[in-house]
Amino acid sequence: MKLYYVYILECSDKLLYTGVTNYISRRLDEHNAGVNKNSFTFKRRPVEVIFHQEFNDVNQAIWF
């Protein structure tokens, strides 16, 4: 069964970012590595997960 996660990150400037992923540890690593220079979190690194919720259905995760 595939799992999906809604997560909230706290950025270094205390702003919050919310996302959805199917692999939370990989996604956190991507945020902190600065994989996408156009992303909201790129200039706000490092980031840390302050909340996450697990879902069985991607649509339910997105709705949440």
Protein backbone atom coordinates (compact mmCIF):
# COMPACT_ATOMS: atom_id res chain seq x y z
CA MET A 1 0.00 0.00 0.00
CA LYS A 2 1.36 3.40 -0.96
CA LEU A 3 1.40 6.11 1.69
CA TYR A 4 1.25 9.86 1.26
CA TYR A 5 2.25 12.57 3.69
CA VAL A 6 1.23 16.14 4.30
CA TYR A 7 4.11 17.95 5.95
CA ILE A 8 4.83 21.40 7.33
CA LEU A 9 8.36 22.74 7.36
CA GLU A 10 9.71 25.57 9.47
CA CYS A 11 12.27 27.53 7.49
CA SER A 12 15.33 29.27 8.94
CA ASP A 13 13.45 32.61 8.79
CA LYS A 14 10.52 31.05 10.75
CA LEU A 15 8.17 31.04 7.73
CA LEU A 16 6.18 27.84 7.18
CA TYR A 17 5.91 25.70 4.05
CA THR A 18 3.33 22.96 3.46
CA GLY A 19 3.75 20.11 0.99
CA VAL A 20 2.57 16.63 0.00
CA THR A 21 4.88 13.72 -0.79
CA ASN A 22 5.01 9.94 -0.89
CA TYR A 23 8.54 9.80 0.61
CA ILE A 24 8.98 12.30 3.42
CA SER A 25 12.65 11.75 4.30
CA ARG A 26 13.74 12.05 0.65
CA ARG A 27 11.67 15.22 0.23
CA LEU A 28 13.19 16.81 3.34
CA ASP A 29 16.66 16.01 1.99
CA GLU A 30 15.72 17.64 -1.33
CA HIS A 31 14.52 20.80 0.42
CA ASN A 32 17.70 21.05 2.49
CA ALA A 33 19.98 20.27 -0.47
CA GLY A 34 18.43 23.07 -2.53
CA VAL A 35 17.55 20.85 -5.49
CA ASN A 36 15.23 23.47 -7.02
CA LYS A 37 16.65 27.01 -6.94
CA ASN A 38 13.19 28.43 -7.75
CA SER A 39 11.48 26.79 -4.77
CA PHE A 40 10.08 28.70 -1.79
CA THR A 41 12.50 26.99 0.59
CA PHE A 42 15.70 27.46 -1.44
CA LYS A 43 16.80 30.72 0.22
CA ARG A 44 15.24 29.74 3.55
CA ARG A 45 17.38 26.70 4.35
CA PRO A 46 17.85 24.83 6.52
CA VAL A 47 14.31 23.62 7.04
CA GLU A 48 12.91 21.17 9.55
CA VAL A 49 9.70 19.14 9.69
CA ILE A 50 7.44 20.40 12.46
CA PHE A 51 4.33 18.40 11.47
CA HIS A 52 3.45 15.43 9.30
CA GLN A 53 0.30 13.36 8.79
CA GLU A 54 0.09 10.03 6.93
CA PHE A 55 -2.67 9.17 4.41
CA ASN A 56 -3.55 6.13 2.30
CA ASP A 57 -5.14 8.21 -0.48
CA VAL A 58 -3.31 11.04 -2.29
CA ASN A 59 -6.56 12.95 -2.82
CA GLN A 60 -7.32 12.84 0.88
CA ALA A 61 -3.81 14.16 1.61
CA ILE A 62 -4.22 17.00 -0.87
CA TRP A 63 -7.64 17.89 0.55
CA PHE A 64 -6.23 17.93 4.10
